[in-house]
């Protein structure tokens, strides 16, 4: 029911969408300073939400601005470790949730706080059903399939905020190097990570559709 009647997100592109997606991609990186990051967290606390929910709501507003669509669905990864006995296991348990927001109210005007409340409730409902595999949703709901884009959502959002310590090995000095695979699974993926200096973001995009600019 939550996904009934969902239409694809029609982003304005630099080139026509090819009939068959090649999944070639590029990446653009950016930073958000600590002051704005702290303000986002403060807003989340006031509204009984999380930083993830605030950022997702803002991203959906941005997608609404560029598409003109009022029904916005975004895919999000979830760790899939809801049971304590799964936490120490090595393996890939990640599932994909589809979080859908309608950016209209009864009077066709919606404040950001009202949207954030909707996003919060939608996320909590999705978390309660996070064990349903995304592949099963596709099989059961039979969305219209198209080789040029993925079913249910064409844009993904992820927040990386799990604390991590630098890797240490005897006799070696290790440093992290940013790389990119040159691919894009979706039209666009926004990944944001928390850093000591604020937020670091990256937009992975389909180069069949978009120029880096």
Protein backbone atom coordinates (compact mmCIF):
# COMPACT_ATOMS: atom_id res chain seq x y z
CA UNK A 1 0.00 0.00 0.00
CA UNK A 2 2.84 2.40 0.82
CA UNK A 3 4.23 2.06 -2.72
CA UNK A 4 0.96 1.89 -4.68
CA UNK A 5 0.78 4.12 -7.76
CA UNK A 6 4.38 5.27 -7.53
CA UNK A 7 5.69 7.03 -10.65
CA UNK A 8 9.38 7.22 -11.67
CA UNK A 9 11.30 10.32 -10.67
CA UNK A 10 11.75 12.44 -13.79
CA UNK A 11 14.94 14.39 -13.18
CA UNK A 12 15.94 16.98 -15.79
CA UNK A 13 18.94 15.50 -17.57
CA UNK A 14 21.68 16.81 -19.86
CA UNK A 15 20.97 14.04 -22.40
CA UNK A 16 18.00 11.82 -23.25
CA UNK A 17 17.76 8.66 -21.19
CA UNK A 18 19.14 5.68 -23.18
CA UNK A 19 16.91 2.65 -23.69
CA UNK A 20 19.43 0.51 -21.79
CA UNK A 21 21.33 1.89 -18.81
CA UNK A 22 25.09 1.40 -19.04
CA UNK A 23 25.64 2.25 -15.35
CA UNK A 24 28.75 4.27 -16.12
CA UNK A 25 29.18 6.96 -13.50
CA UNK A 26 31.08 9.88 -12.09
CA UNK A 27 31.30 11.51 -8.68
CA UNK A 28 31.25 15.04 -7.28
CA UNK A 29 32.40 15.67 -3.70
CA UNK A 30 31.50 18.55 -1.37
CA UNK A 31 31.67 19.58 2.28
CA UNK A 32 29.22 21.15 4.74
CA UNK A 33 30.81 23.19 7.52
CA UNK A 34 30.46 22.36 11.20
CA UNK A 35 28.10 25.25 11.95
CA UNK A 36 25.47 24.04 9.50
CA UNK A 37 25.98 20.42 10.59
CA UNK A 38 25.36 21.37 14.23
CA UNK A 39 22.26 23.37 13.25
CA UNK A 40 20.89 20.33 11.40
CA UNK A 41 21.44 18.14 14.46
CA UNK A 42 19.78 20.74 16.70
CA UNK A 43 16.74 20.82 14.40
CA UNK A 44 16.57 17.03 14.53
CA UNK A 45 16.58 17.04 18.34
CA UNK A 46 13.83 19.69 18.51
CA UNK A 47 11.62 17.73 16.13
CA UNK A 48 12.23 14.29 17.73
CA UNK A 49 13.94 13.16 14.55
CA UNK A 50 17.40 12.02 13.53
CA UNK A 51 20.01 13.77 11.41
CA UNK A 52 19.29 11.18 8.72
CA UNK A 53 15.62 12.17 8.65
CA UNK A 54 16.44 15.89 8.40
CA UNK A 55 18.89 15.35 5.55
CA UNK A 56 16.50 13.02 3.70
CA UNK A 57 13.67 15.56 3.98
CA UNK A 58 15.95 18.31 2.64
CA UNK A 59 17.08 16.06 -0.23
CA UNK A 60 13.47 15.30 -1.15
CA UNK A 61 12.68 19.03 -1.17
CA UNK A 62 15.61 19.55 -3.54
CA UNK A 63 14.39 16.74 -5.81
CA UNK A 64 10.91 18.32 -5.78
CA UNK A 65 12.41 21.65 -6.82
CA UNK A 66 14.19 20.17 -9.84
CA UNK A 67 11.45 17.77 -10.98
CA UNK A 68 8.27 19.63 -10.03
CA UNK A 69 6.93 16.29 -8.76
CA UNK A 70 5.14 16.20 -5.41
CA UNK A 71 5.48 12.45 -4.84
CA UNK A 72 9.15 11.65 -4.19
CA UNK A 73 10.54 8.18 -3.47
CA UNK A 74 14.17 7.64 -2.45
CA UNK A 75 15.94 4.37 -1.81
CA UNK A 76 17.98 4.03 1.37
CA UNK A 77 20.24 1.21 2.58
CA UNK A 78 19.66 -0.29 6.01
CA UNK A 79 22.18 -2.43 7.87
CA UNK A 80 19.88 -5.44 8.35
CA UNK A 81 21.28 -6.18 11.81
CA UNK A 82 18.17 -5.60 13.90
CA UNK A 83 18.86 -8.63 16.11
CA UNK A 84 21.71 -8.48 18.65
CA UNK A 85 23.04 -11.90 17.62
CA UNK A 86 23.69 -10.56 14.10
CA UNK A 87 25.84 -7.63 15.23
CA UNK A 88 29.19 -9.48 15.57
CA UNK A 89 28.79 -11.61 12.44
CA UNK A 90 30.88 -11.01 9.32
CA UNK A 91 28.71 -10.76 6.22
CA UNK A 92 26.53 -8.56 4.05
CA UNK A 93 23.07 -8.12 5.58
CA UNK A 94 22.18 -4.78 3.95
CA UNK A 95 18.65 -4.37 2.61
CA UNK A 96 17.09 -1.48 0.66
CA UNK A 97 14.07 0.50 1.87
CA UNK A 98 11.94 2.81 -0.27
CA UNK A 99 10.99 6.00 1.60
CA UNK A 100 8.21 7.93 -0.12
CA UNK A 101 7.10 11.46 0.72
CA UNK A 102 4.23 13.53 -0.62
CA UNK A 103 5.22 17.17 -0.55
CA UNK A 104 1.71 18.61 -0.47
CA UNK A 105 -0.75 19.38 2.29
CA UNK A 106 -4.50 19.81 2.32
CA UNK A 107 -4.06 23.48 1.39
CA UNK A 108 -1.19 22.64 -1.01
CA UNK A 109 1.26 24.27 1.37
CA UNK A 110 3.54 22.32 3.64
CA UNK A 111 6.16 23.62 6.05
CA UNK A 112 9.51 21.87 6.30
CA UNK A 113 8.70 20.83 9.87
CA UNK A 114 5.48 19.21 8.68
CA UNK A 115 7.37 17.38 5.95
CA UNK A 116 10.00 16.29 8.47
CA UNK A 117 7.25 14.82 10.65
CA UNK A 118 5.99 12.84 7.64
CA UNK A 119 9.49 11.64 6.79
CA UNK A 120 10.01 10.61 10.42
CA UNK A 121 6.83 8.52 10.48
CA UNK A 122 7.52 7.01 7.06
CA UNK A 123 11.03 6.01 8.15
CA UNK A 124 9.80 4.46 11.41
CA UNK A 125 7.15 2.47 9.52
CA UNK A 126 9.77 1.27 7.05
CA UNK A 127 12.18 0.31 9.85
CA UNK A 128 9.41 -1.85 11.36
CA UNK A 129 9.29 -3.78 8.06
CA UNK A 130 12.98 -3.72 7.24
CA UNK A 131 13.31 -7.52 7.13
CA UNK A 132 11.21 -7.74 3.94
CA UNK A 133 13.79 -8.12 1.14
CA UNK A 134 13.63 -5.47 -1.58
CA UNK A 135 13.70 -8.23 -4.19
CA UNK A 136 10.54 -9.70 -2.67
CA UNK A 137 8.78 -6.34 -2.99
CA UNK A 138 9.63 -6.28 -6.69
CA UNK A 139 8.36 -9.83 -7.17
CA UNK A 140 5.12 -9.28 -5.24
CA UNK A 141 4.17 -5.81 -6.52
CA UNK A 142 5.21 -6.24 -10.17
CA UNK A 143 6.12 -2.62 -10.90
CA UNK A 144 6.39 -1.64 -14.54
CA UNK A 145 9.89 -2.70 -15.55
CA UNK A 146 12.14 -0.62 -17.75
CA UNK A 147 15.74 -1.39 -18.69
CA UNK A 148 16.57 2.32 -18.56
CA UNK A 149 16.00 2.69 -14.79
CA UNK A 150 15.49 0.74 -11.58
CA UNK A 151 12.04 -0.11 -10.15
CA UNK A 152 10.40 2.01 -7.39
CA UNK A 153 13.21 4.58 -7.10
CA UNK A 154 15.90 6.13 -9.26
CA UNK A 155 17.77 8.07 -6.56
CA UNK A 156 19.41 6.74 -3.38
CA UNK A 157 20.46 8.48 -0.17
CA UNK A 158 22.80 7.18 2.53
CA UNK A 159 24.18 8.66 5.74
CA UNK A 160 27.44 7.14 6.98
CA UNK A 161 27.66 7.99 10.67
CA UNK A 162 28.98 4.81 12.27
CA UNK A 163 32.04 5.63 14.41
CA UNK A 164 35.19 4.04 13.03
CA UNK A 165 38.74 3.91 14.32
CA UNK A 166 41.72 4.11 11.94
CA UNK A 167 43.10 0.71 10.95
CA UNK A 168 46.42 -0.19 12.57
CA UNK A 169 48.84 -2.95 11.59
CA UNK A 170 52.27 -3.64 13.13
CA UNK A 171 55.09 -2.02 11.16
CA UNK A 172 52.77 -0.28 8.69
CA UNK A 173 51.41 3.24 8.34
CA UNK A 174 47.94 3.23 6.78
CA UNK A 175 45.97 6.08 5.25
CA UNK A 176 42.61 6.26 3.54
CA UNK A 177 42.47 7.03 -0.17
CA UNK A 178 39.28 8.19 -1.88
CA UNK A 179 38.52 6.23 -5.04
CA UNK A 180 35.57 5.72 -7.35
CA UNK A 181 34.58 2.67 -9.36
CA UNK A 182 33.50 4.66 -12.43
CA UNK A 183 30.00 3.20 -12.15
CA UNK A 184 26.57 4.41 -11.01
CA UNK A 185 23.90 1.96 -9.89
CA UNK A 186 21.18 4.63 -9.97
CA UNK A 187 20.51 7.94 -11.70
CA UNK A 188 21.99 9.63 -8.65
CA UNK A 189 23.21 8.59 -5.19
CA UNK A 190 23.85 11.09 -2.41
CA UNK A 191 26.15 9.84 0.36
CA UNK A 192 26.89 12.02 3.39
CA UNK A 193 29.35 11.18 6.15
CA UNK A 194 29.89 12.85 9.52
CA UNK A 195 33.40 14.23 10.08
CA UNK A 196 35.05 16.24 12.90
CA UNK A 197 34.76 19.32 10.66
CA UNK A 198 31.08 18.90 9.73
CA UNK A 199 29.72 16.77 6.89
CA UNK A 200 31.45 15.36 3.81
CA UNK A 201 29.23 14.52 0.87
CA UNK A 202 29.52 12.79 -2.49
CA UNK A 203 27.07 12.67 -5.38
CA UNK A 204 27.49 9.67 -7.65
CA UNK A 205 25.71 10.23 -10.96
CA UNK A 206 24.96 8.40 -14.20
CA UNK A 207 27.20 9.88 -16.89
CA UNK A 208 24.76 8.79 -19.61
CA UNK A 209 22.37 11.37 -18.14
CA UNK A 210 24.41 14.10 -16.47
CA UNK A 211 27.51 16.19 -16.98
CA UNK A 212 29.70 16.84 -13.94
CA UNK A 213 28.59 20.49 -13.84
